Amino acid sequence: MSSQTFLFYHLVFTPKYRRPWLEGWSCALVAFSVSTICRYTGAHYLALNPGPTRDHVHLLVCLPPDVALASFVRDVKSMSGRLINARRGTTGSPFWGAGYFARTVGRGSLESAQRYVEQQFNTDCACIAPPDPEKTTFI
């Protein structure tokens, strides 16, 4: 016998002090970080969008059962924060605020959750495709 487990989460996290820092290149670095961590852990993200006020990120993700949600969020925030701070020239100061919002999403409400995340639209970030993790290296 075989079984399949799908763990869908709607995540929201914010920059420190909820500052509106999610524009253009920072959105691309968040998307790069999410796609890299997803590839590493075997997770899949279905939707990723910064909020319209550029002060928070919405992420709809499917995690494998052996990946802890807190570890996944920690890795995404850590990697993207380091990359964004290096680009801003502010290494050593935290980019992301402490904590995050997480809600489980069932199969029945998955489409509406995906639609909701996609509607959290930021025009600065909408046209920027994430860099290809296999062809891009960040130090």
C-alpha atoms as a PDB file:
ATOM      1  CA  MET A   1       0.000   0.000   0.000  1.00  0.00           C
ATOM      2  CA  SER A   2       1.069   3.539  -0.586  1.00  0.00           C
ATOM      3  CA  SER A   3      -0.270   6.787   0.750  1.00  0.00           C
ATOM      4  CA  GLN A   4       0.013  10.423  -0.183  1.00  0.00           C
ATOM      5  CA  THR A   5       0.036  13.291   2.254  1.00  0.00           C
ATOM      6  CA  PHE A   6      -0.575  16.870   1.204  1.00  0.00           C
ATOM      7  CA  LEU A   7       0.048  19.582   3.799  1.00  0.00           C
ATOM      8  CA  PHE A   8      -1.004  22.949   2.416  1.00  0.00           C
ATOM      9  CA  TYR A   9      -0.245  26.155   4.318  1.00  0.00           C
ATOM     10  CA  HIS A  10      -1.042  29.806   3.741  1.00  0.00           C
ATOM     11  CA  LEU A  11       1.848  31.781   5.264  1.00  0.00           C
ATOM     12  CA  VAL A  12       2.227  35.511   5.869  1.00  0.00           C
ATOM     13  CA  PHE A  13       5.375  37.175   7.184  1.00  0.00           C
ATOM     14  CA  THR A  14       6.504  40.796   7.383  1.00  0.00           C
ATOM     15  CA  PRO A  15       9.708  42.855   7.306  1.00  0.00           C
ATOM     16  CA  LYS A  16      10.839  44.192  10.659  1.00  0.00           C
ATOM     17  CA  TYR A  17       8.565  46.999  11.896  1.00  0.00           C
ATOM     18  CA  ARG A  18       6.350  46.212   8.880  1.00  0.00           C
ATOM     19  CA  ARG A  19       8.326  48.617   6.728  1.00  0.00           C
ATOM     20  CA  PRO A  20       7.360  48.721   3.009  1.00  0.00           C
ATOM     21  CA  TRP A  21      10.642  47.272   1.716  1.00  0.00           C
ATOM     22  CA  LEU A  22       9.305  44.641  -0.695  1.00  0.00           C
ATOM     23  CA  GLU A  23       9.903  46.162  -4.110  1.00  0.00           C
ATOM     24  CA  GLY A  24      11.368  44.923  -7.409  1.00  0.00           C
ATOM     25  CA  TRP A  25      14.669  43.225  -6.670  1.00  0.00           C
ATOM     26  CA  SER A  26      13.770  42.321  -3.069  1.00  0.00           C
ATOM     27  CA  CYS A  27      10.679  40.466  -4.352  1.00  0.00           C
ATOM     28  CA  ALA A  28      12.869  38.585  -6.814  1.00  0.00           C
ATOM     29  CA  LEU A  29      15.218  37.588  -3.984  1.00  0.00           C
ATOM     30  CA  VAL A  30      12.294  36.364  -1.859  1.00  0.00           C
ATOM     31  CA  ALA A  31      11.007  34.318  -4.817  1.00  0.00           C
ATOM     32  CA  PHE A  32      14.508  32.937  -5.421  1.00  0.00           C
ATOM     33  CA  SER A  33      14.821  31.958  -1.752  1.00  0.00           C
ATOM     34  CA  VAL A  34      11.403  30.282  -1.677  1.00  0.00           C
ATOM     35  CA  SER A  35      12.081  28.317  -4.884  1.00  0.00           C
ATOM     36  CA  THR A  36      15.527  27.253  -3.645  1.00  0.00           C
ATOM     37  CA  ILE A  37      14.268  26.095  -0.236  1.00  0.00           C
ATOM     38  CA  CYS A  38      11.325  24.329  -1.909  1.00  0.00           C
ATOM     39  CA  ARG A  39      13.656  22.485  -4.249  1.00  0.00           C
ATOM     40  CA  TYR A  40      15.930  21.515  -1.347  1.00  0.00           C
ATOM     41  CA  THR A  41      13.109  20.263   0.910  1.00  0.00           C
ATOM     42  CA  GLY A  42      10.816  18.760  -1.725  1.00  0.00           C
ATOM     43  CA  ALA A  43       8.103  21.339  -1.080  1.00  0.00           C
ATOM     44  CA  HIS A  44       6.080  23.101  -3.784  1.00  0.00           C
ATOM     45  CA  TYR A  45       4.830  26.655  -3.693  1.00  0.00           C
ATOM     46  CA  LEU A  46       1.556  27.323  -5.437  1.00  0.00           C
ATOM     47  CA  ALA A  47       1.395  31.094  -5.036  1.00  0.00           C
ATOM     48  CA  LEU A  48       3.739  33.793  -3.761  1.00  0.00           C
ATOM     49  CA  ASN A  49       2.857  37.467  -3.615  1.00  0.00           C
ATOM     50  CA  PRO A  50       3.821  40.490  -1.579  1.00  0.00           C
ATOM     51  CA  GLY A  51       0.917  42.488  -0.251  1.00  0.00           C
ATOM     52  CA  PRO A  52      -0.303  45.618  -2.018  1.00  0.00           C
ATOM     53  CA  THR A  53       1.328  47.801   0.651  1.00  0.00           C
ATOM     54  CA  ARG A  54       4.741  46.138   0.149  1.00  0.00           C
ATOM     55  CA  ASP A  55       4.989  45.322   3.834  1.00  0.00           C
ATOM     56  CA  HIS A  56       4.184  41.599   3.941  1.00  0.00           C
ATOM     57  CA  VAL A  57       4.450  38.412   1.877  1.00  0.00           C
ATOM     58  CA  HIS A  58       1.718  35.841   1.206  1.00  0.00           C
ATOM     59  CA  LEU A  59       2.883  32.316   0.388  1.00  0.00           C
ATOM     60  CA  LEU A  60       0.791  29.232  -0.387  1.00  0.00           C
ATOM     61  CA  VAL A  61       2.966  26.156  -0.049  1.00  0.00           C
ATOM     62  CA  CYS A  62       2.649  22.360   0.049  1.00  0.00           C
ATOM     63  CA  LEU A  63       5.156  20.761   2.429  1.00  0.00           C
ATOM     64  CA  PRO A  64       6.122  17.106   2.621  1.00  0.00           C
ATOM     65  CA  PRO A  65       5.239  15.488   5.965  1.00  0.00           C
ATOM     66  CA  ASP A  66       8.894  15.229   7.038  1.00  0.00           C
ATOM     67  CA  VAL A  67       9.504  19.007   6.784  1.00  0.00           C
ATOM     68  CA  ALA A  68       8.608  21.044   9.853  1.00  0.00           C
ATOM     69  CA  LEU A  69       6.704  24.229   9.072  1.00  0.00           C
ATOM     70  CA  ALA A  70       8.805  26.302  11.495  1.00  0.00           C
ATOM     71  CA  SER A  71      12.042  25.045   9.898  1.00  0.00           C
ATOM     72  CA  PHE A  72      10.777  25.849   6.414  1.00  0.00           C
ATOM     73  CA  VAL A  73       9.791  29.410   7.381  1.00  0.00           C
ATOM     74  CA  ARG A  74      13.071  29.888   9.263  1.00  0.00           C
ATOM     75  CA  ASP A  75      15.075  28.801   6.213  1.00  0.00           C
ATOM     76  CA  VAL A  76      13.115  31.022   3.792  1.00  0.00           C
ATOM     77  CA  LYS A  77      13.323  34.081   6.041  1.00  0.00           C
ATOM     78  CA  SER A  78      16.991  33.472   6.824  1.00  0.00           C
ATOM     79  CA  MET A  79      18.105  33.014   3.213  1.00  0.00           C
ATOM     80  CA  SER A  80      16.032  35.857   1.786  1.00  0.00           C
ATOM     81  CA  GLY A  81      16.958  38.179   4.657  1.00  0.00           C
ATOM     82  CA  ARG A  82      20.683  37.581   4.149  1.00  0.00           C
ATOM     83  CA  LEU A  83      20.395  38.171   0.396  1.00  0.00           C
ATOM     84  CA  ILE A  84      18.296  41.323   0.762  1.00  0.00           C
ATOM     85  CA  ASN A  85      20.516  42.763   3.492  1.00  0.00           C
ATOM     86  CA  ALA A  86      23.643  42.085   1.420  1.00  0.00           C
ATOM     87  CA  ARG A  87      22.078  43.905  -1.513  1.00  0.00           C
ATOM     88  CA  ARG A  88      20.984  46.816   0.703  1.00  0.00           C
ATOM     89  CA  GLY A  89      24.376  46.957   2.416  1.00  0.00           C
ATOM     90  CA  THR A  90      22.872  46.409   5.871  1.00  0.00           C
ATOM     91  CA  THR A  91      24.356  43.062   6.858  1.00  0.00           C
ATOM     92  CA  GLY A  92      23.952  42.136  10.490  1.00  0.00           C
ATOM     93  CA  SER A  93      20.546  43.733  11.004  1.00  0.00           C
ATOM     94  CA  PRO A  94      17.453  41.524  10.752  1.00  0.00           C
ATOM     95  CA  PHE A  95      15.298  42.111   7.680  1.00  0.00           C
ATOM     96  CA  TRP A  96      12.265  40.081   8.726  1.00  0.00           C
ATOM     97  CA  GLY A  97      10.179  40.628  11.813  1.00  0.00           C
ATOM     98  CA  ALA A  98       9.836  37.869  14.382  1.00  0.00           C
ATOM     99  CA  GLY A  99       7.068  35.346  13.841  1.00  0.00           C
ATOM    100  CA  TYR A 100       4.679  34.525  11.019  1.00  0.00           C
ATOM    101  CA  PHE A 101       1.039  33.699  10.359  1.00  0.00           C
ATOM    102  CA  ALA A 102       0.222  30.148   9.246  1.00  0.00           C
ATOM    103  CA  ARG A 103      -3.098  28.562   8.413  1.00  0.00           C
ATOM    104  CA  THR A 104      -3.682  25.093   7.069  1.00  0.00           C
ATOM    105  CA  VAL A 105      -5.617  24.873   3.828  1.00  0.00           C
ATOM    106  CA  GLY A 106      -7.769  21.885   2.926  1.00  0.00           C
ATOM    107  CA  ARG A 107      -8.223  20.459  -0.550  1.00  0.00           C
ATOM    108  CA  GLY A 108     -11.739  21.925  -0.744  1.00  0.00           C
ATOM    109  CA  SER A 109     -10.594  25.494  -0.133  1.00  0.00           C
ATOM    110  CA  LEU A 110      -7.269  25.281  -1.977  1.00  0.00           C
ATOM    111  CA  GLU A 111      -8.482  27.099  -5.094  1.00  0.00           C
ATOM    112  CA  SER A 112      -9.973  29.972  -3.119  1.00  0.00           C
ATOM    113  CA  ALA A 113      -6.796  30.285  -1.008  1.00  0.00           C
ATOM    114  CA  GLN A 114      -4.674  30.341  -4.161  1.00  0.00           C
ATOM    115  CA  ARG A 115      -6.937  32.968  -5.700  1.00  0.00           C
ATOM    116  CA  TYR A 116      -6.706  35.056  -2.512  1.00  0.00           C
ATOM    117  CA  VAL A 117      -2.891  34.931  -2.450  1.00  0.00           C
ATOM    118  CA  GLU A 118      -2.671  35.787  -6.140  1.00  0.00           C
ATOM    119  CA  GLN A 119      -4.963  38.793  -5.611  1.00  0.00           C
ATOM    120  CA  GLN A 120      -2.563  40.254  -3.029  1.00  0.00           C
ATOM    121  CA  PHE A 121      -1.027  42.124  -5.907  1.00  0.00           C
ATOM    122  CA  ASN A 122       2.012  44.397  -5.928  1.00  0.00           C
ATOM    123  CA  THR A 123       2.658  46.027  -9.312  1.00  0.00           C
ATOM    124  CA  ASP A 124       6.371  46.497  -8.581  1.00  0.00           C
ATOM    125  CA  CYS A 125       6.855  42.760  -8.196  1.00  0.00           C
ATOM    126  CA  ALA A 126       4.291  41.331 -10.592  1.00  0.00           C
ATOM    127  CA  CYS A 127       6.481  41.411 -13.680  1.00  0.00           C
ATOM    128  CA  ILE A 128       9.657  40.087 -12.081  1.00  0.00           C
ATOM    129  CA  ALA A 129      10.259  36.407 -12.598  1.00  0.00           C
ATOM    130  CA  PRO A 130      12.352  34.719  -9.914  1.00  0.00           C
ATOM    131  CA  PRO A 131      15.936  33.935 -10.919  1.00  0.00           C
ATOM    132  CA  ASP A 132      16.681  30.348 -11.888  1.00  0.00           C
ATOM    133  CA  PRO A 133      18.291  28.744  -8.792  1.00  0.00           C
ATOM    134  CA  GLU A 134      20.393  26.422 -10.948  1.00  0.00           C
ATOM    135  CA  LYS A 135      21.956  29.262 -12.975  1.00  0.00           C
ATOM    136  CA  THR A 136      22.293  31.923 -10.288  1.00  0.00           C
ATOM    137  CA  THR A 137      24.687  32.075  -7.384  1.00  0.00           C
ATOM    138  CA  PHE A 138      24.490  34.580  -4.563  1.00  0.00           C
ATOM    139  CA  ILE A 139      27.266  35.014  -2.057  1.00  0.00           C
END
